[in-house]
Amino acid sequence: MILLEPHGAGTKYTAIAIHGDRDGAQKHAKMGFHDGWGKALDQLVRLAKTM
């Protein structure tokens, strides 16, 4: 789930991931899940600045 909310002069971005179980969460963490979200957000910010 992605939430976008006004925050001061910008926007607060919240990403929520719900895994079916602890093993699924750990598997995604080992695959770089957190880093992937950060990279995706960086790409979204760069795109938004071009519009």
PDB file of N, CA and C in Angstrom:
ATOM      1  N   MET A   1       0.848  -1.164   0.000  1.00  0.00           N
ATOM      2  CA  MET A   1       0.000   0.000   0.000  1.00  0.00           C
ATOM      3  C   MET A   1       0.896   1.230   0.000  1.00  0.00           C
ATOM      4  N   ILE A   2       0.522   2.224  -0.778  1.00  0.00           N
ATOM      5  CA  ILE A   2       1.248   3.497  -0.840  1.00  0.00           C
ATOM      6  C   ILE A   2       0.300   4.602  -0.380  1.00  0.00           C
ATOM      7  N   LEU A   3       0.755   5.407   0.548  1.00  0.00           N
ATOM      8  CA  LEU A   3      -0.022   6.555   1.023  1.00  0.00           C
ATOM      9  C   LEU A   3       0.743   7.830   0.708  1.00  0.00           C
ATOM     10  N   LEU A   4       0.070   8.810   0.125  1.00  0.00           N
ATOM     11  CA  LEU A   4       0.646  10.126  -0.138  1.00  0.00           C
ATOM     12  C   LEU A   4      -0.203  11.152   0.592  1.00  0.00           C
ATOM     13  N   GLU A   5       0.441  11.966   1.439  1.00  0.00           N
ATOM     14  CA  GLU A   5      -0.271  12.961   2.235  1.00  0.00           C
ATOM     15  C   GLU A   5       0.459  14.298   2.182  1.00  0.00           C
ATOM     16  N   PRO A   6      -0.283  15.403   2.178  1.00  0.00           N
ATOM     17  CA  PRO A   6       0.368  16.713   2.267  1.00  0.00           C
ATOM     18  C   PRO A   6       1.192  16.798   3.558  1.00  0.00           C
ATOM     19  N   HIS A   7       2.357  17.399   3.460  1.00  0.00           N
ATOM     20  CA  HIS A   7       3.222  17.539   4.632  1.00  0.00           C
ATOM     21  C   HIS A   7       4.046  18.807   4.453  1.00  0.00           C
ATOM     22  N   GLY A   8       3.642  19.869   5.123  1.00  0.00           N
ATOM     23  CA  GLY A   8       4.335  21.138   4.967  1.00  0.00           C
ATOM     24  C   GLY A   8       4.284  21.578   3.514  1.00  0.00           C
ATOM     25  N   ALA A   9       5.450  21.880   2.949  1.00  0.00           N
ATOM     26  CA  ALA A   9       5.527  22.300   1.549  1.00  0.00           C
ATOM     27  C   ALA A   9       5.713  21.108   0.614  1.00  0.00           C
ATOM     28  N   GLY A  10       5.685  19.903   1.171  1.00  0.00           N
ATOM     29  CA  GLY A  10       5.926  18.716   0.354  1.00  0.00           C
ATOM     30  C   GLY A  10       4.867  17.654   0.542  1.00  0.00           C
ATOM     31  N   THR A  11       5.287  16.426   0.370  1.00  0.00           N
ATOM     32  CA  THR A  11       4.386  15.290   0.461  1.00  0.00           C
ATOM     33  C   THR A  11       5.027  14.195   1.295  1.00  0.00           C
ATOM     34  N   LYS A  12       4.251  13.640   2.197  1.00  0.00           N
ATOM     35  CA  LYS A  12       4.711  12.500   2.991  1.00  0.00           C
ATOM     36  C   LYS A  12       4.362  11.232   2.216  1.00  0.00           C
ATOM     37  N   TYR A  13       5.351  10.372   2.016  1.00  0.00           N
ATOM     38  CA  TYR A  13       5.214   9.125   1.266  1.00  0.00           C
ATOM     39  C   TYR A  13       5.371   7.980   2.261  1.00  0.00           C
ATOM     40  N   THR A  14       4.354   7.131   2.364  1.00  0.00           N
ATOM     41  CA  THR A  14       4.419   5.980   3.252  1.00  0.00           C
ATOM     42  C   THR A  14       4.135   4.721   2.445  1.00  0.00           C
ATOM     43  N   ALA A  15       5.041   3.760   2.518  1.00  0.00           N
ATOM     44  CA  ALA A  15       4.847   2.467   1.850  1.00  0.00           C
ATOM     45  C   ALA A  15       4.660   1.408   2.933  1.00  0.00           C
ATOM     46  N   ILE A  16       3.610   0.630   2.809  1.00  0.00           N
ATOM     47  CA  ILE A  16       3.310  -0.412   3.792  1.00  0.00           C
ATOM     48  C   ILE A  16       3.273  -1.754   3.070  1.00  0.00           C
ATOM     49  N   ALA A  17       4.077  -2.690   3.550  1.00  0.00           N
ATOM     50  CA  ALA A  17       4.086  -4.041   2.985  1.00  0.00           C
ATOM     51  C   ALA A  17       3.582  -5.009   4.051  1.00  0.00           C
ATOM     52  N   ILE A  18       2.646  -5.837   3.676  1.00  0.00           N
ATOM     53  CA  ILE A  18       2.109  -6.830   4.598  1.00  0.00           C
ATOM     54  C   ILE A  18       2.435  -8.208   4.022  1.00  0.00           C
ATOM     55  N   HIS A  19       3.192  -8.970   4.774  1.00  0.00           N
ATOM     56  CA  HIS A  19       3.589 -10.305   4.347  1.00  0.00           C
ATOM     57  C   HIS A  19       2.687 -11.343   5.015  1.00  0.00           C
ATOM     58  N   GLY A  20       2.533 -12.464   4.352  1.00  0.00           N
ATOM     59  CA  GLY A  20       1.677 -13.531   4.878  1.00  0.00           C
ATOM     60  C   GLY A  20       2.213 -14.170   6.141  1.00  0.00           C
ATOM     61  N   ASP A  21       3.539 -14.170   6.286  1.00  0.00           N
ATOM     62  CA  ASP A  21       4.147 -14.762   7.481  1.00  0.00           C
ATOM     63  C   ASP A  21       5.566 -14.224   7.647  1.00  0.00           C
ATOM     64  N   ARG A  22       6.172 -14.577   8.755  1.00  0.00           N
ATOM     65  CA  ARG A  22       7.520 -14.095   9.079  1.00  0.00           C
ATOM     66  C   ARG A  22       8.538 -14.563   8.040  1.00  0.00           C
ATOM     67  N   ASP A  23       8.396 -15.814   7.582  1.00  0.00           N
ATOM     68  CA  ASP A  23       9.340 -16.331   6.587  1.00  0.00           C
ATOM     69  C   ASP A  23       9.298 -15.506   5.300  1.00  0.00           C
ATOM     70  N   GLY A  24       8.099 -15.132   4.858  1.00  0.00           N
ATOM     71  CA  GLY A  24       7.965 -14.311   3.658  1.00  0.00           C
ATOM     72  C   GLY A  24       8.618 -12.957   3.834  1.00  0.00           C
ATOM     73  N   ALA A  25       8.433 -12.362   5.009  1.00  0.00           N
ATOM     74  CA  ALA A  25       9.046 -11.059   5.292  1.00  0.00           C
ATOM     75  C   ALA A  25      10.565 -11.169   5.296  1.00  0.00           C
ATOM     76  N   GLN A  26      11.092 -12.226   5.910  1.00  0.00           N
ATOM     77  CA  GLN A  26      12.538 -12.402   5.968  1.00  0.00           C
ATOM     78  C   GLN A  26      13.112 -12.678   4.578  1.00  0.00           C
ATOM     79  N   LYS A  27      12.396 -13.444   3.781  1.00  0.00           N
ATOM     80  CA  LYS A  27      12.850 -13.740   2.417  1.00  0.00           C
ATOM     81  C   LYS A  27      12.954 -12.449   1.607  1.00  0.00           C
ATOM     82  N   HIS A  28      11.926 -11.595   1.687  1.00  0.00           N
ATOM     83  CA  HIS A  28      11.955 -10.333   0.955  1.00  0.00           C
ATOM     84  C   HIS A  28      13.064  -9.423   1.467  1.00  0.00           C
ATOM     85  N   ALA A  29      13.282  -9.420   2.763  1.00  0.00           N
ATOM     86  CA  ALA A  29      14.365  -8.594   3.323  1.00  0.00           C
ATOM     87  C   ALA A  29      15.715  -9.048   2.777  1.00  0.00           C
ATOM     88  N   LYS A  30      15.937 -10.356   2.708  1.00  0.00           N
ATOM     89  CA  LYS A  30      17.207 -10.880   2.186  1.00  0.00           C
ATOM     90  C   LYS A  30      17.378 -10.561   0.702  1.00  0.00           C
ATOM     91  N   MET A  31      16.278 -10.412  -0.033  1.00  0.00           N
ATOM     92  CA  MET A  31      16.331 -10.113  -1.462  1.00  0.00           C
ATOM     93  C   MET A  31      16.543  -8.625  -1.733  1.00  0.00           C
ATOM     94  N   GLY A  32      16.618  -7.803  -0.681  1.00  0.00           N
ATOM     95  CA  GLY A  32      16.843  -6.374  -0.865  1.00  0.00           C
ATOM     96  C   GLY A  32      15.570  -5.564  -0.961  1.00  0.00           C
ATOM     97  N   PHE A  33      14.493  -6.073  -0.380  1.00  0.00           N
ATOM     98  CA  PHE A  33      13.184  -5.423  -0.425  1.00  0.00           C
ATOM     99  C   PHE A  33      13.256  -3.949  -0.017  1.00  0.00           C
ATOM    100  N   HIS A  34      13.909  -3.669   1.103  1.00  0.00           N
ATOM    101  CA  HIS A  34      13.965  -2.286   1.600  1.00  0.00           C
ATOM    102  C   HIS A  34      14.747  -1.376   0.661  1.00  0.00           C
ATOM    103  N   ASP A  35      15.876  -1.859   0.177  1.00  0.00           N
ATOM    104  CA  ASP A  35      16.670  -1.060  -0.763  1.00  0.00           C
ATOM    105  C   ASP A  35      15.901  -0.806  -2.052  1.00  0.00           C
ATOM    106  N   GLY A  36      15.146  -1.805  -2.488  1.00  0.00           N
ATOM    107  CA  GLY A  36      14.350  -1.658  -3.710  1.00  0.00           C
ATOM    108  C   GLY A  36      13.313  -0.562  -3.590  1.00  0.00           C
ATOM    109  N   TRP A  37      12.651  -0.478  -2.443  1.00  0.00           N
ATOM    110  CA  TRP A  37      11.666   0.583  -2.236  1.00  0.00           C
ATOM    111  C   TRP A  37      12.330   1.946  -2.282  1.00  0.00           C
ATOM    112  N   GLY A  38      13.499   2.053  -1.668  1.00  0.00           N
ATOM    113  CA  GLY A  38      14.223   3.327  -1.685  1.00  0.00           C
ATOM    114  C   GLY A  38      14.603   3.745  -3.092  1.00  0.00           C
ATOM    115  N   LYS A  39      15.082   2.792  -3.888  1.00  0.00           N
ATOM    116  CA  LYS A  39      15.454   3.090  -5.263  1.00  0.00           C
ATOM    117  C   LYS A  39      14.230   3.496  -6.086  1.00  0.00           C
ATOM    118  N   ALA A  40      13.121   2.792  -5.866  1.00  0.00           N
ATOM    119  CA  ALA A  40      11.889   3.127  -6.595  1.00  0.00           C
ATOM    120  C   ALA A  40      11.419   4.534  -6.232  1.00  0.00           C
ATOM    121  N   LEU A  41      11.523   4.894  -4.966  1.00  0.00           N
ATOM    122  CA  LEU A  41      11.118   6.238  -4.548  1.00  0.00           C
ATOM    123  C   LEU A  41      12.027   7.285  -5.171  1.00  0.00           C
ATOM    124  N   ASP A  42      13.323   7.035  -5.197  1.00  0.00           N
ATOM    125  CA  ASP A  42      14.253   7.979  -5.830  1.00  0.00           C
ATOM    126  C   ASP A  42      13.881   8.198  -7.299  1.00  0.00           C
ATOM    127  N   GLN A  43      13.524   7.116  -7.994  1.00  0.00           N
ATOM    128  CA  GLN A  43      13.122   7.227  -9.396  1.00  0.00           C
ATOM    129  C   GLN A  43      11.829   8.031  -9.533  1.00  0.00           C
ATOM    130  N   LEU A  44      10.883   7.808  -8.639  1.00  0.00           N
ATOM    131  CA  LEU A  44       9.618   8.541  -8.670  1.00  0.00           C
ATOM    132  C   LEU A  44       9.860  10.045  -8.450  1.00  0.00           C
ATOM    133  N   VAL A  45      10.731  10.373  -7.515  1.00  0.00           N
ATOM    134  CA  VAL A  45      11.047  11.788  -7.246  1.00  0.00           C
ATOM    135  C   VAL A  45      11.681  12.437  -8.474  1.00  0.00           C
ATOM    136  N   ARG A  46      12.637  11.742  -9.111  1.00  0.00           N
ATOM    137  CA  ARG A  46      13.267  12.295 -10.314  1.00  0.00           C
ATOM    138  C   ARG A  46      12.218  12.523 -11.422  1.00  0.00           C
ATOM    139  N   LEU A  47      11.314  11.575 -11.587  1.00  0.00           N
ATOM    140  CA  LEU A  47      10.271  11.718 -12.596  1.00  0.00           C
ATOM    141  C   LEU A  47       9.359  12.894 -12.270  1.00  0.00           C
ATOM    142  N   ALA A  48       8.942  13.004 -11.025  1.00  0.00           N
ATOM    143  CA  ALA A  48       8.034  14.079 -10.632  1.00  0.00           C
ATOM    144  C   ALA A  48       8.656  15.458 -10.865  1.00  0.00           C
ATOM    145  N   LYS A  49       9.949  15.567 -10.691  1.00  0.00           N
ATOM    146  CA  LYS A  49      10.629  16.848 -10.888  1.00  0.00           C
ATOM    147  C   LYS A  49      10.685  17.259 -12.355  1.00  0.00           C
ATOM    148  N   THR A  50      10.461  16.328 -13.270  1.00  0.00           N
ATOM    149  CA  THR A  50      10.487  16.657 -14.696  1.00  0.00           C
ATOM    150  C   THR A  50       9.122  17.107 -15.198  1.00  0.00           C
ATOM    151  N   MET A  51       8.112  16.974 -14.396  1.00  0.00           N
ATOM    152  CA  MET A  51       6.745  17.291 -14.836  1.00  0.00           C
ATOM    153  C   MET A  51       6.366  18.716 -14.506  1.00  0.00           C
TER     154      MET A  51
END
